[in-house]
C-alpha cells in the first residue's frame, strides 16, 4: 500500500488496519521508533491519569 492509497482508503479501514498500513509504510521508508524510556512512560501515565478524571 502506498501513502496515497492509505489516504484514499482511510474511511473504509479500521483503526487496526490503518495502524498496520502506517507501520508497513514507515518500515519501508526506514523510520524507526525507539521504545519509550521508563521516565517517558511515567510522564504519559501522569497526563492520562489527570485527563481521565474529566472523562469518568
PDB file of N, CA and C in Angstrom:
ATOM      1  N   UNK A   1       0.846  -1.171   0.000  1.00  0.00           N
ATOM      2  CA  UNK A   1       0.000   0.000   0.000  1.00  0.00           C
ATOM      3  C   UNK A   1       0.892   1.233   0.000  1.00  0.00           C
ATOM      4  N   UNK A   2       0.482   2.223  -0.758  1.00  0.00           N
ATOM      5  CA  UNK A   2       1.227   3.479  -0.814  1.00  0.00           C
ATOM      6  C   UNK A   2       0.582   4.502   0.112  1.00  0.00           C
ATOM      7  N   UNK A   3       1.295   5.590   0.323  1.00  0.00           N
ATOM      8  CA  UNK A   3       0.782   6.680   1.149  1.00  0.00           C
ATOM      9  C   UNK A   3      -0.551   7.193   0.592  1.00  0.00           C
ATOM     10  N   UNK A   4      -0.622   7.321  -0.729  1.00  0.00           N
ATOM     11  CA  UNK A   4      -1.842   7.820  -1.381  1.00  0.00           C
ATOM     12  C   UNK A   4      -3.006   6.853  -1.162  1.00  0.00           C
ATOM     13  N   UNK A   5      -2.736   5.558  -1.261  1.00  0.00           N
ATOM     14  CA  UNK A   5      -3.786   4.559  -1.041  1.00  0.00           C
ATOM     15  C   UNK A   5      -4.287   4.601   0.401  1.00  0.00           C
ATOM     16  N   UNK A   6      -3.366   4.793   1.326  1.00  0.00           N
ATOM     17  CA  UNK A   6      -3.752   4.890   2.731  1.00  0.00           C
ATOM     18  C   UNK A   6      -4.673   6.089   2.942  1.00  0.00           C
ATOM     19  N   UNK A   7      -4.333   7.206   2.349  1.00  0.00           N
ATOM     20  CA  UNK A   7      -5.156   8.409   2.474  1.00  0.00           C
ATOM     21  C   UNK A   7      -6.521   8.194   1.832  1.00  0.00           C
ATOM     22  N   UNK A   8      -6.529   7.625   0.638  1.00  0.00           N
ATOM     23  CA  UNK A   8      -7.788   7.434  -0.092  1.00  0.00           C
ATOM     24  C   UNK A   8      -8.707   6.417   0.564  1.00  0.00           C
ATOM     25  N   UNK A   9      -8.139   5.390   1.198  1.00  0.00           N
ATOM     26  CA  UNK A   9      -8.945   4.308   1.786  1.00  0.00           C
ATOM     27  C   UNK A   9      -9.167   4.457   3.284  1.00  0.00           C
ATOM     28  N   UNK A  10      -8.746   5.553   3.842  1.00  0.00           N
ATOM     29  CA  UNK A  10      -8.803   5.755   5.293  1.00  0.00           C
ATOM     30  C   UNK A  10     -10.194   5.502   5.871  1.00  0.00           C
ATOM     31  N   UNK A  11     -11.222   6.037   5.240  1.00  0.00           N
ATOM     32  CA  UNK A  11     -12.577   5.900   5.780  1.00  0.00           C
ATOM     33  C   UNK A  11     -13.092   4.468   5.748  1.00  0.00           C
ATOM     34  N   UNK A  12     -12.578   3.659   4.843  1.00  0.00           N
ATOM     35  CA  UNK A  12     -13.051   2.282   4.709  1.00  0.00           C
ATOM     36  C   UNK A  12     -12.236   1.296   5.548  1.00  0.00           C
ATOM     37  N   UNK A  13     -11.200   1.788   6.238  1.00  0.00           N
ATOM     38  CA  UNK A  13     -10.313   0.914   7.004  1.00  0.00           C
ATOM     39  C   UNK A  13     -10.589   1.051   8.490  1.00  0.00           C
ATOM     40  N   UNK A  14     -10.386  -0.049   9.210  1.00  0.00           N
ATOM     41  CA  UNK A  14     -10.484   0.003  10.671  1.00  0.00           C
ATOM     42  C   UNK A  14      -9.210   0.643  11.220  1.00  0.00           C
ATOM     43  N   UNK A  15      -9.247   1.010  12.485  1.00  0.00           N
ATOM     44  CA  UNK A  15      -8.071   1.597  13.123  1.00  0.00           C
ATOM     45  C   UNK A  15      -6.891   0.630  13.062  1.00  0.00           C
ATOM     46  N   UNK A  16      -7.144  -0.646  13.326  1.00  0.00           N
ATOM     47  CA  UNK A  16      -6.072  -1.650  13.302  1.00  0.00           C
ATOM     48  C   UNK A  16      -5.458  -1.755  11.905  1.00  0.00           C
ATOM     49  N   UNK A  17      -6.280  -1.699  10.880  1.00  0.00           N
ATOM     50  CA  UNK A  17      -5.773  -1.765   9.502  1.00  0.00           C
ATOM     51  C   UNK A  17      -4.939  -0.527   9.174  1.00  0.00           C
ATOM     52  N   UNK A  18      -5.375   0.630   9.631  1.00  0.00           N
ATOM     53  CA  UNK A  18      -4.620   1.860   9.371  1.00  0.00           C
ATOM     54  C   UNK A  18      -3.279   1.843  10.094  1.00  0.00           C
ATOM     55  N   UNK A  19      -3.280   1.357  11.336  1.00  0.00           N
ATOM     56  CA  UNK A  19      -2.030   1.281  12.106  1.00  0.00           C
ATOM     57  C   UNK A  19      -1.059   0.326  11.427  1.00  0.00           C
ATOM     58  N   UNK A  20      -1.557  -0.830  11.004  1.00  0.00           N
ATOM     59  CA  UNK A  20      -0.698  -1.805  10.327  1.00  0.00           C
ATOM     60  C   UNK A  20      -0.134  -1.230   9.031  1.00  0.00           C
ATOM     61  N   UNK A  21      -0.967  -0.559   8.254  1.00  0.00           N
ATOM     62  CA  UNK A  21      -0.515   0.038   6.999  1.00  0.00           C
ATOM     63  C   UNK A  21       0.521   1.121   7.263  1.00  0.00           C
ATOM     64  N   UNK A  22       0.297   1.940   8.285  1.00  0.00           N
ATOM     65  CA  UNK A  22       1.253   3.002   8.632  1.00  0.00           C
ATOM     66  C   UNK A  22       2.577   2.408   9.056  1.00  0.00           C
ATOM     67  N   UNK A  23       2.542   1.342   9.848  1.00  0.00           N
ATOM     68  CA  UNK A  23       3.785   0.687  10.285  1.00  0.00           C
ATOM     69  C   UNK A  23       4.544   0.110   9.092  1.00  0.00           C
ATOM     70  N   UNK A  24       3.812  -0.486   8.159  1.00  0.00           N
ATOM     71  CA  UNK A  24       4.450  -1.037   6.956  1.00  0.00           C
ATOM     72  C   UNK A  24       5.097   0.074   6.140  1.00  0.00           C
ATOM     73  N   UNK A  25       4.382   1.184   5.938  1.00  0.00           N
ATOM     74  CA  UNK A  25       4.942   2.303   5.181  1.00  0.00           C
ATOM     75  C   UNK A  25       6.166   2.878   5.871  1.00  0.00           C
ATOM     76  N   UNK A  26       6.099   3.016   7.193  1.00  0.00           N
ATOM     77  CA  UNK A  26       7.238   3.541   7.942  1.00  0.00           C
ATOM     78  C   UNK A  26       8.437   2.606   7.847  1.00  0.00           C
ATOM     79  N   UNK A  27       8.191   1.302   7.931  1.00  0.00           N
ATOM     80  CA  UNK A  27       9.283   0.328   7.833  1.00  0.00           C
ATOM     81  C   UNK A  27       9.940   0.392   6.460  1.00  0.00           C
ATOM     82  N   UNK A  28       9.142   0.544   5.417  1.00  0.00           N
ATOM     83  CA  UNK A  28       9.682   0.633   4.055  1.00  0.00           C
ATOM     84  C   UNK A  28      10.542   1.873   3.860  1.00  0.00           C
ATOM     85  N   UNK A  29      10.169   2.954   4.537  1.00  0.00           N
ATOM     86  CA  UNK A  29      10.922   4.201   4.386  1.00  0.00           C
ATOM     87  C   UNK A  29      12.064   4.325   5.400  1.00  0.00           C
ATOM     88  N   UNK A  30      12.213   3.325   6.263  1.00  0.00           N
ATOM     89  CA  UNK A  30      13.337   3.304   7.194  1.00  0.00           C
ATOM     90  C   UNK A  30      13.094   4.042   8.493  1.00  0.00           C
ATOM     91  N   UNK A  31      11.854   4.375   8.800  1.00  0.00           N
ATOM     92  CA  UNK A  31      11.544   5.057  10.059  1.00  0.00           C
ATOM     93  C   UNK A  31      11.613   4.047  11.196  1.00  0.00           C
ATOM     94  N   UNK A  32      12.343   4.397  12.257  1.00  0.00           N
ATOM     95  CA  UNK A  32      12.491   3.521  13.405  1.00  0.00           C
ATOM     96  C   UNK A  32      12.014   4.274  14.640  1.00  0.00           C
ATOM     97  N   UNK A  33      11.114   3.662  15.375  1.00  0.00           N
ATOM     98  CA  UNK A  33      10.610   4.257  16.604  1.00  0.00           C
ATOM     99  C   UNK A  33      11.282   3.590  17.791  1.00  0.00           C
ATOM    100  N   UNK A  34      11.898   4.401  18.647  1.00  0.00           N
ATOM    101  CA  UNK A  34      12.542   3.874  19.840  1.00  0.00           C
ATOM    102  C   UNK A  34      11.487   3.522  20.880  1.00  0.00           C
ATOM    103  N   UNK A  35      11.817   2.577  21.724  1.00  0.00           N
ATOM    104  CA  UNK A  35      10.943   2.218  22.838  1.00  0.00           C
ATOM    105  C   UNK A  35      11.033   3.351  23.864  1.00  0.00           C
ATOM    106  N   UNK A  36       9.897   3.861  24.330  1.00  0.00           N
ATOM    107  CA  UNK A  36       9.940   4.943  25.321  1.00  0.00           C
ATOM    108  C   UNK A  36      10.648   4.496  26.602  1.00  0.00           C
ATOM    109  N   UNK A  37      11.321   5.440  27.229  1.00  0.00           N
ATOM    110  CA  UNK A  37      12.016   5.150  28.485  1.00  0.00           C
ATOM    111  C   UNK A  37      11.011   5.062  29.630  1.00  0.00           C
ATOM    112  N   UNK A  38      11.463   4.579  30.771  1.00  0.00           N
ATOM    113  CA  UNK A  38      10.606   4.493  31.951  1.00  0.00           C
ATOM    114  C   UNK A  38      10.130   5.886  32.354  1.00  0.00           C
ATOM    115  N   UNK A  39      10.984   6.886  32.214  1.00  0.00           N
ATOM    116  CA  UNK A  39      10.612   8.265  32.541  1.00  0.00           C
ATOM    117  C   UNK A  39       9.477   8.748  31.631  1.00  0.00           C
ATOM    118  N   UNK A  40       9.579   8.451  30.325  1.00  0.00           N
ATOM    119  CA  UNK A  40       8.531   8.867  29.389  1.00  0.00           C
ATOM    120  C   UNK A  40       7.209   8.160  29.688  1.00  0.00           C
ATOM    121  N   UNK A  41       7.258   6.879  30.051  1.00  0.00           N
ATOM    122  CA  UNK A  41       6.042   6.161  30.438  1.00  0.00           C
ATOM    123  C   UNK A  41       5.417   6.795  31.679  1.00  0.00           C
ATOM    124  N   UNK A  42       6.251   7.197  32.616  1.00  0.00           N
ATOM    125  CA  UNK A  42       5.752   7.855  33.826  1.00  0.00           C
ATOM    126  C   UNK A  42       5.050   9.163  33.507  1.00  0.00           C
ATOM    127  N   UNK A  43       5.642   9.945  32.600  1.00  0.00           N
ATOM    128  CA  UNK A  43       5.016  11.203  32.188  1.00  0.00           C
ATOM    129  C   UNK A  43       3.666  10.941  31.526  1.00  0.00           C
ATOM    130  N   UNK A  44       3.619   9.968  30.656  1.00  0.00           N
ATOM    131  CA  UNK A  44       2.376   9.624  29.969  1.00  0.00           C
ATOM    132  C   UNK A  44       1.305   9.187  30.971  1.00  0.00           C
ATOM    133  N   UNK A  45       1.699   8.380  31.941  1.00  0.00           N
ATOM    134  CA  UNK A  45       0.748   7.902  32.949  1.00  0.00           C
ATOM    135  C   UNK A  45       0.179   9.067  33.758  1.00  0.00           C
ATOM    136  N   UNK A  46       1.026  10.036  34.105  1.00  0.00           N
ATOM    137  CA  UNK A  46       0.540  11.194  34.864  1.00  0.00           C
ATOM    138  C   UNK A  46      -0.447  12.017  34.039  1.00  0.00           C
ATOM    139  N   UNK A  47      -0.138  12.237  32.768  1.00  0.00           N
ATOM    140  CA  UNK A  47      -1.017  13.019  31.898  1.00  0.00           C
ATOM    141  C   UNK A  47      -2.347  12.301  31.708  1.00  0.00           C
ATOM    142  N   UNK A  48      -2.288  10.991  31.479  1.00  0.00           N
ATOM    143  CA  UNK A  48      -3.522  10.231  31.268  1.00  0.00           C
ATOM    144  C   UNK A  48      -4.363  10.177  32.543  1.00  0.00           C
ATOM    145  N   UNK A  49      -3.733  10.004  33.686  1.00  0.00           N
ATOM    146  CA  UNK A  49      -4.476   9.942  34.949  1.00  0.00           C
ATOM    147  C   UNK A  49      -5.203  11.256  35.192  1.00  0.00           C
ATOM    148  N   UNK A  50      -4.546  12.367  34.891  1.00  0.00           N
ATOM    149  CA  UNK A  50      -5.173  13.673  35.076  1.00  0.00           C
ATOM    150  C   UNK A  50      -6.352  13.831  34.109  1.00  0.00           C
ATOM    151  N   UNK A  51      -6.162  13.470  32.848  1.00  0.00           N
ATOM    152  CA  UNK A  51      -7.222  13.611  31.858  1.00  0.00           C
ATOM    153  C   UNK A  51      -8.402  12.689  32.088  1.00  0.00           C
ATOM    154  N   UNK A  52      -8.141  11.513  32.619  1.00  0.00           N
ATOM    155  CA  UNK A  52      -9.231  10.551  32.854  1.00  0.00           C
ATOM    156  C   UNK A  52     -10.184  11.011  33.959  1.00  0.00           C
ATOM    157  N   UNK A  53      -9.735  11.893  34.820  1.00  0.00           N
ATOM    158  CA  UNK A  53     -10.623  12.426  35.853  1.00  0.00           C
ATOM    159  C   UNK A  53     -11.822  13.135  35.225  1.00  0.00           C
ATOM    160  N   UNK A  54     -11.601  13.749  34.088  1.00  0.00           N
ATOM    161  CA  UNK A  54     -12.649  14.523  33.441  1.00  0.00           C
ATOM    162  C   UNK A  54     -13.509  13.680  32.511  1.00  0.00           C
ATOM    163  N   UNK A  55     -13.017  12.530  32.126  1.00  0.00           N
ATOM    164  CA  UNK A  55     -13.773  11.634  31.239  1.00  0.00           C
ATOM    165  C   UNK A  55     -14.755  10.801  32.042  1.00  0.00           C
ATOM    166  N   UNK A  56     -14.311  10.312  33.186  1.00  0.00           N
ATOM    167  CA  UNK A  56     -15.129   9.412  34.007  1.00  0.00           C
ATOM    168  C   UNK A  56     -16.226  10.135  34.743  1.00  0.00           C
TER     169      UNK A  56
END
